[in-house]
């Protein structure tokens, strides 16, 4: 888990700098630039954590069982359940992320990554494997 300093920042200051972060992130239109920002602002661990959360959201949408999600992405059941609950919220950031993902040209490649991983990891008797084709 990422370390957060024990020294508290004034809430008003924090809100303002978070607003600046949103401005910076929404001002980036190029994939290469976004990767540069993510590399600058996030540690490797933080990027992995965010990617796993996106993977969990996608796999939940695809109705993949919790045990398979947990085994594939090395995440705990409470993490999966938390994301499942957030997905049900009307204005969920996860739902927005999935909406963006559905529109991307790389969606099929994203799906194939999960299919390949699940096929390698799944037991022959897993019922959902028939759906993966």
N, C-alpha and C. Protein backbone atom coordinates (compact mmCIF):
# COMPACT_ATOMS: atom_id res chain seq x y z
N UNK A 1 0.84 -1.18 0.00
CA UNK A 1 0.00 0.00 0.00
C UNK A 1 0.89 1.24 0.00
N UNK A 2 0.53 2.26 -0.78
CA UNK A 2 1.33 3.47 -0.84
C UNK A 2 1.39 4.16 0.52
N UNK A 3 2.51 4.76 0.80
CA UNK A 3 2.71 5.46 2.05
C UNK A 3 2.21 6.89 1.93
N UNK A 4 1.43 7.32 2.91
CA UNK A 4 0.97 8.70 2.97
C UNK A 4 1.58 9.32 4.22
N UNK A 5 2.15 10.49 4.07
CA UNK A 5 2.79 11.17 5.19
C UNK A 5 1.80 11.39 6.33
N UNK A 6 2.30 11.30 7.55
CA UNK A 6 1.46 11.57 8.73
C UNK A 6 1.18 13.05 8.88
N UNK A 7 2.00 13.87 8.24
CA UNK A 7 1.80 15.31 8.31
C UNK A 7 0.60 15.69 7.45
N UNK A 8 -0.39 16.25 8.09
CA UNK A 8 -1.63 16.59 7.38
C UNK A 8 -1.51 17.92 6.66
N UNK A 9 -2.09 17.95 5.47
CA UNK A 9 -2.18 19.18 4.69
C UNK A 9 -3.55 19.77 4.96
N UNK A 10 -3.60 21.09 5.08
CA UNK A 10 -4.87 21.78 5.28
C UNK A 10 -5.85 21.35 4.19
N UNK A 11 -7.10 21.06 4.57
CA UNK A 11 -8.09 20.55 3.62
C UNK A 11 -8.29 21.49 2.44
N UNK A 12 -8.32 22.78 2.67
CA UNK A 12 -8.52 23.73 1.58
C UNK A 12 -7.34 23.68 0.59
N UNK A 13 -6.14 23.61 1.11
CA UNK A 13 -4.95 23.50 0.25
C UNK A 13 -4.99 22.20 -0.53
N UNK A 14 -5.32 21.11 0.16
CA UNK A 14 -5.41 19.81 -0.50
C UNK A 14 -6.43 19.82 -1.62
N UNK A 15 -7.61 20.37 -1.36
CA UNK A 15 -8.65 20.46 -2.39
C UNK A 15 -8.16 21.25 -3.61
N UNK A 16 -7.44 22.33 -3.36
CA UNK A 16 -6.95 23.16 -4.46
C UNK A 16 -5.91 22.42 -5.29
N UNK A 17 -4.97 21.73 -4.63
CA UNK A 17 -3.96 21.03 -5.42
C UNK A 17 -4.55 19.81 -6.12
N UNK A 18 -5.58 19.20 -5.54
CA UNK A 18 -6.27 18.11 -6.24
C UNK A 18 -6.98 18.64 -7.48
N UNK A 19 -7.55 19.85 -7.37
CA UNK A 19 -8.16 20.48 -8.55
C UNK A 19 -7.11 20.72 -9.64
N UNK A 20 -5.91 21.14 -9.24
CA UNK A 20 -4.84 21.33 -10.21
C UNK A 20 -4.45 20.01 -10.87
N UNK A 21 -4.43 18.94 -10.08
CA UNK A 21 -4.11 17.62 -10.64
C UNK A 21 -5.14 17.22 -11.68
N UNK A 22 -6.40 17.47 -11.39
CA UNK A 22 -7.46 17.16 -12.35
C UNK A 22 -7.27 17.97 -13.63
N UNK A 23 -6.92 19.23 -13.49
CA UNK A 23 -6.69 20.08 -14.67
C UNK A 23 -5.55 19.51 -15.51
N UNK A 24 -4.48 19.10 -14.85
CA UNK A 24 -3.33 18.54 -15.58
C UNK A 24 -3.74 17.25 -16.30
N UNK A 25 -4.42 16.36 -15.59
CA UNK A 25 -4.79 15.07 -16.19
C UNK A 25 -5.79 15.21 -17.32
N UNK A 26 -6.72 16.12 -17.18
CA UNK A 26 -7.72 16.29 -18.25
C UNK A 26 -7.16 17.09 -19.42
N UNK A 27 -6.02 17.75 -19.22
CA UNK A 27 -5.40 18.51 -20.31
C UNK A 27 -4.53 17.66 -21.22
N UNK A 28 -4.34 16.41 -20.88
CA UNK A 28 -3.49 15.52 -21.68
C UNK A 28 -4.35 14.76 -22.68
N UNK A 29 -3.97 14.85 -23.95
CA UNK A 29 -4.73 14.17 -24.99
C UNK A 29 -3.99 13.01 -25.63
N UNK A 30 -2.70 12.97 -25.46
CA UNK A 30 -1.88 11.95 -26.10
C UNK A 30 -1.53 10.83 -25.13
N UNK A 31 -1.58 9.61 -25.63
CA UNK A 31 -1.26 8.44 -24.81
C UNK A 31 0.17 8.53 -24.27
N UNK A 32 1.09 8.95 -25.12
CA UNK A 32 2.50 9.06 -24.71
C UNK A 32 2.65 10.06 -23.57
N UNK A 33 1.95 11.18 -23.66
CA UNK A 33 2.02 12.19 -22.60
C UNK A 33 1.42 11.66 -21.29
N UNK A 34 0.32 10.91 -21.39
CA UNK A 34 -0.30 10.36 -20.19
C UNK A 34 0.64 9.37 -19.51
N UNK A 35 1.32 8.56 -20.31
CA UNK A 35 2.30 7.63 -19.73
C UNK A 35 3.41 8.39 -19.01
N UNK A 36 3.84 9.51 -19.60
CA UNK A 36 4.87 10.33 -18.96
C UNK A 36 4.37 10.86 -17.62
N UNK A 37 3.13 11.33 -17.59
CA UNK A 37 2.57 11.85 -16.33
C UNK A 37 2.45 10.74 -15.29
N UNK A 38 1.95 9.59 -15.71
CA UNK A 38 1.81 8.49 -14.76
C UNK A 38 3.16 8.07 -14.21
N UNK A 39 4.17 8.03 -15.08
CA UNK A 39 5.51 7.69 -14.62
C UNK A 39 6.05 8.73 -13.64
N UNK A 40 5.71 9.99 -13.87
CA UNK A 40 6.20 11.06 -13.01
C UNK A 40 5.50 11.09 -11.65
N UNK A 41 4.19 10.82 -11.65
CA UNK A 41 3.41 10.99 -10.43
C UNK A 41 3.16 9.72 -9.64
N UNK A 42 3.29 8.56 -10.27
CA UNK A 42 2.97 7.31 -9.58
C UNK A 42 4.19 6.39 -9.52
N UNK A 43 4.30 5.71 -8.41
CA UNK A 43 5.34 4.68 -8.31
C UNK A 43 4.90 3.47 -9.12
N UNK A 44 5.82 2.57 -9.33
CA UNK A 44 5.49 1.33 -10.03
C UNK A 44 4.38 0.58 -9.30
N UNK A 45 4.47 0.54 -7.98
CA UNK A 45 3.46 -0.15 -7.17
C UNK A 45 2.09 0.50 -7.33
N UNK A 46 2.04 1.81 -7.33
CA UNK A 46 0.77 2.52 -7.48
C UNK A 46 0.15 2.26 -8.86
N UNK A 47 0.99 2.22 -9.90
CA UNK A 47 0.47 1.93 -11.25
C UNK A 47 -0.08 0.51 -11.32
N UNK A 48 0.61 -0.43 -10.70
CA UNK A 48 0.13 -1.81 -10.67
C UNK A 48 -1.19 -1.89 -9.93
N UNK A 49 -1.30 -1.21 -8.80
CA UNK A 49 -2.52 -1.20 -8.01
C UNK A 49 -3.71 -0.67 -8.84
N UNK A 50 -3.49 0.42 -9.55
CA UNK A 50 -4.56 0.99 -10.37
C UNK A 50 -4.93 0.07 -11.52
N UNK A 51 -3.92 -0.51 -12.16
CA UNK A 51 -4.19 -1.43 -13.27
C UNK A 51 -4.97 -2.65 -12.80
N UNK A 52 -4.61 -3.17 -11.63
CA UNK A 52 -5.35 -4.32 -11.09
C UNK A 52 -6.80 -3.96 -10.80
N UNK A 53 -7.03 -2.76 -10.28
CA UNK A 53 -8.41 -2.33 -10.01
C UNK A 53 -9.22 -2.27 -11.30
N UNK A 54 -8.62 -1.75 -12.36
CA UNK A 54 -9.29 -1.71 -13.65
C UNK A 54 -9.57 -3.13 -14.13
N UNK A 55 -8.59 -4.02 -13.96
CA UNK A 55 -8.77 -5.42 -14.35
C UNK A 55 -9.90 -6.08 -13.58
N UNK A 56 -9.98 -5.81 -12.29
CA UNK A 56 -11.06 -6.37 -11.47
C UNK A 56 -12.41 -5.87 -11.97
N UNK A 57 -12.51 -4.58 -12.22
CA UNK A 57 -13.78 -4.01 -12.70
C UNK A 57 -14.19 -4.66 -14.02
N UNK A 58 -13.24 -4.80 -14.92
CA UNK A 58 -13.54 -5.41 -16.21
C UNK A 58 -13.98 -6.86 -16.03
N UNK A 59 -13.25 -7.61 -15.22
CA UNK A 59 -13.58 -9.02 -15.02
C UNK A 59 -14.93 -9.20 -14.33
N UNK A 60 -15.26 -8.30 -13.41
CA UNK A 60 -16.58 -8.35 -12.78
C UNK A 60 -17.67 -8.11 -13.82
N UNK A 61 -17.43 -7.14 -14.70
CA UNK A 61 -18.41 -6.86 -15.76
C UNK A 61 -18.61 -8.07 -16.68
N UNK A 62 -17.53 -8.83 -16.86
CA UNK A 62 -17.59 -10.03 -17.70
C UNK A 62 -18.13 -11.24 -16.93
N UNK A 63 -18.54 -11.02 -15.68
CA UNK A 63 -19.14 -12.06 -14.83
C UNK A 63 -18.17 -13.21 -14.52
N UNK A 64 -16.91 -12.88 -14.41
CA UNK A 64 -15.91 -13.88 -14.05
C UNK A 64 -15.97 -14.08 -12.54
N UNK A 65 -15.95 -15.32 -12.07
CA UNK A 65 -16.07 -15.61 -10.63
C UNK A 65 -14.95 -14.97 -9.80
N UNK A 66 -15.30 -14.61 -8.56
CA UNK A 66 -14.37 -13.98 -7.64
C UNK A 66 -13.06 -14.76 -7.52
N UNK A 67 -13.16 -16.09 -7.38
CA UNK A 67 -11.95 -16.90 -7.20
C UNK A 67 -11.01 -16.77 -8.39
N UNK A 68 -11.56 -16.71 -9.58
CA UNK A 68 -10.74 -16.58 -10.78
C UNK A 68 -10.11 -15.19 -10.86
N UNK A 69 -10.87 -14.17 -10.47
CA UNK A 69 -10.33 -12.80 -10.47
C UNK A 69 -9.19 -12.72 -9.46
N UNK A 70 -9.43 -13.24 -8.27
CA UNK A 70 -8.44 -13.22 -7.21
C UNK A 70 -7.16 -13.94 -7.63
N UNK A 71 -7.31 -15.12 -8.21
CA UNK A 71 -6.15 -15.89 -8.63
C UNK A 71 -5.40 -15.26 -9.79
N UNK A 72 -6.12 -14.66 -10.71
CA UNK A 72 -5.49 -14.07 -11.89
C UNK A 72 -4.74 -12.78 -11.55
N UNK A 73 -5.36 -11.94 -10.75
CA UNK A 73 -4.78 -10.63 -10.48
C UNK A 73 -4.11 -10.51 -9.11
N UNK A 74 -4.12 -11.59 -8.34
CA UNK A 74 -3.53 -11.58 -6.99
C UNK A 74 -4.10 -10.44 -6.14
N UNK A 75 -5.42 -10.40 -6.08
CA UNK A 75 -6.12 -9.43 -5.24
C UNK A 75 -7.00 -10.20 -4.27
N UNK A 76 -7.34 -9.58 -3.16
CA UNK A 76 -8.14 -10.25 -2.14
C UNK A 76 -9.63 -10.14 -2.46
N UNK A 77 -10.39 -11.04 -1.89
CA UNK A 77 -11.85 -10.99 -2.06
C UNK A 77 -12.45 -9.68 -1.56
N UNK A 78 -11.98 -9.13 -0.41
CA UNK A 78 -12.53 -7.84 0.02
C UNK A 78 -12.29 -6.72 -1.00
N UNK A 79 -11.13 -6.74 -1.67
CA UNK A 79 -10.86 -5.75 -2.71
C UNK A 79 -11.83 -5.91 -3.87
N UNK A 80 -12.04 -7.14 -4.28
CA UNK A 80 -12.98 -7.41 -5.38
C UNK A 80 -14.38 -6.97 -4.99
N UNK A 81 -14.78 -7.29 -3.77
CA UNK A 81 -16.12 -6.94 -3.32
C UNK A 81 -16.30 -5.42 -3.24
N UNK A 82 -15.28 -4.72 -2.79
CA UNK A 82 -15.34 -3.26 -2.72
C UNK A 82 -15.54 -2.67 -4.12
N UNK A 83 -14.82 -3.19 -5.09
CA UNK A 83 -14.94 -2.68 -6.46
C UNK A 83 -16.31 -3.05 -7.03
N UNK A 84 -16.82 -4.24 -6.69
CA UNK A 84 -18.16 -4.66 -7.14
C UNK A 84 -19.21 -3.67 -6.62
N UNK A 85 -19.06 -3.27 -5.37
CA UNK A 85 -20.02 -2.31 -4.78
C UNK A 85 -19.89 -0.96 -5.47
N UNK A 86 -18.66 -0.50 -5.70
CA UNK A 86 -18.46 0.79 -6.37
C UNK A 86 -19.02 0.77 -7.78
N UNK A 87 -18.95 -0.36 -8.45
CA UNK A 87 -19.50 -0.46 -9.81
C UNK A 87 -21.01 -0.26 -9.84
N UNK A 88 -21.66 -0.56 -8.74
CA UNK A 88 -23.12 -0.42 -8.68
C UNK A 88 -23.56 1.02 -8.48
N UNK A 89 -22.65 1.89 -8.08
CA UNK A 89 -22.99 3.29 -7.87
C UNK A 89 -23.21 3.97 -9.20
N UNK A 90 -24.20 4.86 -9.24
CA UNK A 90 -24.55 5.51 -10.50
C UNK A 90 -23.41 6.31 -11.11
N UNK A 91 -22.69 7.05 -10.30
CA UNK A 91 -21.63 7.89 -10.83
C UNK A 91 -20.27 7.35 -10.43
N UNK A 92 -20.08 6.07 -10.64
CA UNK A 92 -18.84 5.41 -10.27
C UNK A 92 -17.73 5.74 -11.25
N UNK A 93 -16.56 6.04 -10.72
CA UNK A 93 -15.40 6.23 -11.57
C UNK A 93 -15.04 4.95 -12.31
N UNK A 94 -15.35 3.81 -11.69
CA UNK A 94 -15.09 2.53 -12.34
C UNK A 94 -15.98 2.37 -13.57
N UNK A 95 -17.23 2.75 -13.44
CA UNK A 95 -18.14 2.65 -14.58
C UNK A 95 -17.67 3.58 -15.70
N UNK A 96 -17.19 4.75 -15.33
CA UNK A 96 -16.65 5.68 -16.32
C UNK A 96 -15.42 5.07 -17.00
N UNK A 97 -14.54 4.45 -16.22
CA UNK A 97 -13.35 3.82 -16.79
C UNK A 97 -13.74 2.72 -17.77
N UNK A 98 -14.74 1.91 -17.42
CA UNK A 98 -15.19 0.84 -18.31
C UNK A 98 -15.83 1.41 -19.57
N UNK A 99 -16.52 2.52 -19.43
CA UNK A 99 -17.14 3.18 -20.59
C UNK A 99 -16.04 3.65 -21.55
N UNK A 100 -15.00 4.25 -21.02
CA UNK A 100 -13.87 4.69 -21.85
C UNK A 100 -13.21 3.49 -22.50
N UNK A 101 -13.04 2.42 -21.72
CA UNK A 101 -12.41 1.21 -22.24
C UNK A 101 -13.22 0.60 -23.37
N UNK A 102 -14.55 0.60 -23.23
CA UNK A 102 -15.41 0.03 -24.27
C UNK A 102 -15.26 0.80 -25.59
N UNK A 103 -14.95 2.09 -25.51
CA UNK A 103 -14.83 2.92 -26.71
C UNK A 103 -13.46 2.82 -27.36
N UNK A 104 -12.50 2.27 -26.65
CA UNK A 104 -11.13 2.27 -27.15
C UNK A 104 -10.91 1.26 -28.26
N UNK A 105 -9.98 1.58 -29.10
CA UNK A 105 -9.63 0.67 -30.20
C UNK A 105 -8.92 -0.56 -29.67
N UNK A 106 -8.40 -0.49 -28.45
CA UNK A 106 -7.64 -1.59 -27.88
C UNK A 106 -8.48 -2.54 -27.01
N UNK A 107 -9.80 -2.38 -27.01
CA UNK A 107 -10.64 -3.21 -26.15
C UNK A 107 -10.48 -4.69 -26.46
N UNK A 108 -10.43 -5.05 -27.71
CA UNK A 108 -10.29 -6.46 -28.06
C UNK A 108 -8.95 -7.01 -27.57
N UNK A 109 -7.90 -6.23 -27.66
CA UNK A 109 -6.59 -6.66 -27.16
C UNK A 109 -6.65 -6.83 -25.64
N UNK A 110 -7.33 -5.92 -24.96
CA UNK A 110 -7.50 -5.99 -23.51
C UNK A 110 -8.24 -7.27 -23.12
N UNK A 111 -9.33 -7.55 -23.84
CA UNK A 111 -10.09 -8.78 -23.58
C UNK A 111 -9.24 -10.02 -23.82
N UNK A 112 -8.44 -10.01 -24.87
CA UNK A 112 -7.63 -11.17 -25.20
C UNK A 112 -6.58 -11.45 -24.13
N UNK A 113 -6.02 -10.41 -23.56
CA UNK A 113 -5.05 -10.58 -22.48
C UNK A 113 -5.69 -11.39 -21.35
N UNK A 114 -6.89 -11.00 -20.95
CA UNK A 114 -7.56 -11.70 -19.86
C UNK A 114 -7.95 -13.12 -20.25
N UNK A 115 -8.39 -13.29 -21.47
CA UNK A 115 -8.74 -14.65 -21.91
C UNK A 115 -7.53 -15.56 -21.86
N UNK A 116 -6.40 -15.07 -22.35
CA UNK A 116 -5.17 -15.87 -22.37
C UNK A 116 -4.72 -16.23 -20.96
N UNK A 117 -4.73 -15.25 -20.07
CA UNK A 117 -4.31 -15.49 -18.69
C UNK A 117 -5.24 -16.48 -18.02
N UNK A 118 -6.52 -16.28 -18.21
CA UNK A 118 -7.50 -17.17 -17.56
C UNK A 118 -7.40 -18.59 -18.10
N UNK A 119 -7.17 -18.73 -19.38
CA UNK A 119 -7.03 -20.08 -19.95
C UNK A 119 -5.82 -20.79 -19.37
N UNK A 120 -4.72 -20.06 -19.17
CA UNK A 120 -3.52 -20.67 -18.60
C UNK A 120 -3.71 -21.05 -17.14
N UNK A 121 -4.50 -20.26 -16.42
CA UNK A 121 -4.62 -20.47 -14.98
C UNK A 121 -5.81 -21.34 -14.57
N UNK A 122 -6.82 -21.41 -15.41
CA UNK A 122 -8.07 -22.06 -15.03
C UNK A 122 -7.92 -23.58 -15.00
N UNK A 123 -8.67 -24.15 -14.10
CA UNK A 123 -8.74 -25.61 -14.03
C UNK A 123 -9.64 -26.09 -15.17
N UNK A 124 -9.42 -27.27 -15.71
CA UNK A 124 -10.20 -27.76 -16.84
C UNK A 124 -11.70 -27.79 -16.58
N UNK A 125 -12.10 -27.95 -15.33
CA UNK A 125 -13.53 -28.06 -15.04
C UNK A 125 -14.21 -26.71 -14.79
N UNK A 126 -13.48 -25.61 -14.88
CA UNK A 126 -14.09 -24.30 -14.64
C UNK A 126 -15.19 -24.04 -15.67
N UNK A 127 -16.39 -23.81 -15.19
CA UNK A 127 -17.53 -23.63 -16.06
C UNK A 127 -17.44 -22.44 -16.97
N UNK A 128 -16.83 -21.35 -16.51
CA UNK A 128 -16.79 -20.16 -17.34
C UNK A 128 -15.82 -20.29 -18.51
N UNK A 129 -14.96 -21.29 -18.48
CA UNK A 129 -13.99 -21.45 -19.58
C UNK A 129 -14.70 -21.69 -20.92
N UNK A 130 -15.86 -22.31 -20.90
CA UNK A 130 -16.60 -22.53 -22.13
C UNK A 130 -16.96 -21.21 -22.80
N UNK A 131 -17.26 -20.20 -21.96
CA UNK A 131 -17.63 -18.90 -22.48
C UNK A 131 -16.46 -18.17 -23.13
N UNK A 132 -15.24 -18.50 -22.71
CA UNK A 132 -14.08 -17.79 -23.24
C UNK A 132 -13.72 -18.20 -24.65
N UNK A 133 -14.16 -19.37 -25.06
CA UNK A 133 -13.93 -19.83 -26.42
C UNK A 133 -12.55 -20.26 -26.76
